[in-house]
Amino acid sequence: MGFDQKALKLVGKKVEVKMFNGSVIKGTMSHVSKGYVCFITTFKRADTEEFSFRRLSLKDVTSMIEVKR
């Protein structure tokens, strides 16, 4: 199974992605389009919870794992 097929199964779920450069990104996968995976990541600063959108190329992904909530 390729990463594009695996990504389609993980849309809408909380996922941990490891990249080719060694970085690890956790977030909710929002959609897959034209070889890219889009994530909504959240992080807390002081009293607020901020959202960030990340767009990652499937070429750079080395692993995708669903994170249990």
Protein backbone atom coordinates (compact mmCIF):
# COMPACT_ATOMS: atom_id res chain seq x y z
CA MET A 1 0.00 0.00 0.00
CA GLY A 2 1.43 3.38 -0.98
CA PHE A 3 1.33 6.50 1.12
CA ASP A 4 -1.36 8.04 -1.09
CA GLN A 5 -3.75 5.15 -0.41
CA LYS A 6 -2.87 5.10 3.28
CA ALA A 7 -3.41 8.87 3.50
CA LEU A 8 -6.91 8.53 2.06
CA LYS A 9 -7.81 6.06 4.82
CA LEU A 10 -6.51 8.42 7.53
CA VAL A 11 -8.42 11.56 6.47
CA GLY A 12 -10.25 13.06 9.44
CA LYS A 13 -8.20 11.12 12.01
CA LYS A 14 -5.43 12.19 14.36
CA VAL A 15 -2.14 11.20 12.73
CA GLU A 16 1.59 11.31 13.47
CA VAL A 17 3.76 11.78 10.38
CA LYS A 18 7.52 11.32 10.21
CA MET A 19 9.27 13.27 7.48
CA PHE A 20 12.40 12.53 5.44
CA ASN A 21 14.29 15.34 7.21
CA GLY A 22 13.59 13.77 10.64
CA SER A 23 10.78 16.05 11.84
CA VAL A 24 7.64 14.59 13.41
CA ILE A 25 4.27 16.30 12.99
CA LYS A 26 1.07 15.42 14.86
CA GLY A 27 -2.33 16.69 13.87
CA THR A 28 -5.67 15.96 12.28
CA MET A 29 -5.42 15.15 8.60
CA SER A 30 -7.91 17.34 6.79
CA HIS A 31 -7.54 16.29 3.15
CA VAL A 32 -5.29 14.83 0.46
CA SER A 33 -4.88 16.58 -2.88
CA LYS A 34 -2.44 16.34 -5.81
CA GLY A 35 0.36 14.61 -3.90
CA TYR A 36 0.03 16.76 -0.78
CA VAL A 37 -1.36 16.02 2.68
CA CYS A 38 -2.94 18.84 4.70
CA PHE A 39 -3.00 18.89 8.51
CA ILE A 40 -4.60 20.98 11.20
CA THR A 41 -2.20 21.16 14.13
CA THR A 42 -2.95 22.72 17.51
CA PHE A 43 -0.59 24.06 20.11
CA LYS A 44 -1.08 25.89 23.37
CA ARG A 45 0.55 29.17 24.30
CA ALA A 46 -0.12 30.69 27.69
CA ASP A 47 -3.95 30.84 27.91
CA THR A 48 -4.81 30.37 24.23
CA GLU A 49 -4.97 27.39 21.93
CA GLU A 50 -3.77 28.23 18.42
CA PHE A 51 -4.35 26.40 15.15
CA SER A 52 -1.91 25.99 12.31
CA PHE A 53 -2.38 24.48 8.86
CA ARG A 54 0.46 22.40 7.42
CA ARG A 55 0.78 21.20 3.83
CA LEU A 56 3.23 18.33 3.36
CA SER A 57 4.39 16.59 0.22
CA LEU A 58 3.81 12.82 0.15
CA LYS A 59 7.29 12.42 -1.38
CA ASP A 60 8.86 13.56 1.91
CA VAL A 61 6.77 11.33 4.21
CA THR A 62 8.53 8.24 5.58
CA SER A 63 5.75 6.95 7.89
CA MET A 64 2.15 7.67 8.87
CA ILE A 65 0.64 6.31 12.07
CA GLU A 66 -2.83 6.86 13.47
CA VAL A 67 -2.68 8.21 17.02
CA LYS A 68 -5.32 6.90 19.41
CA ARG A 69 -7.19 9.68 21.19
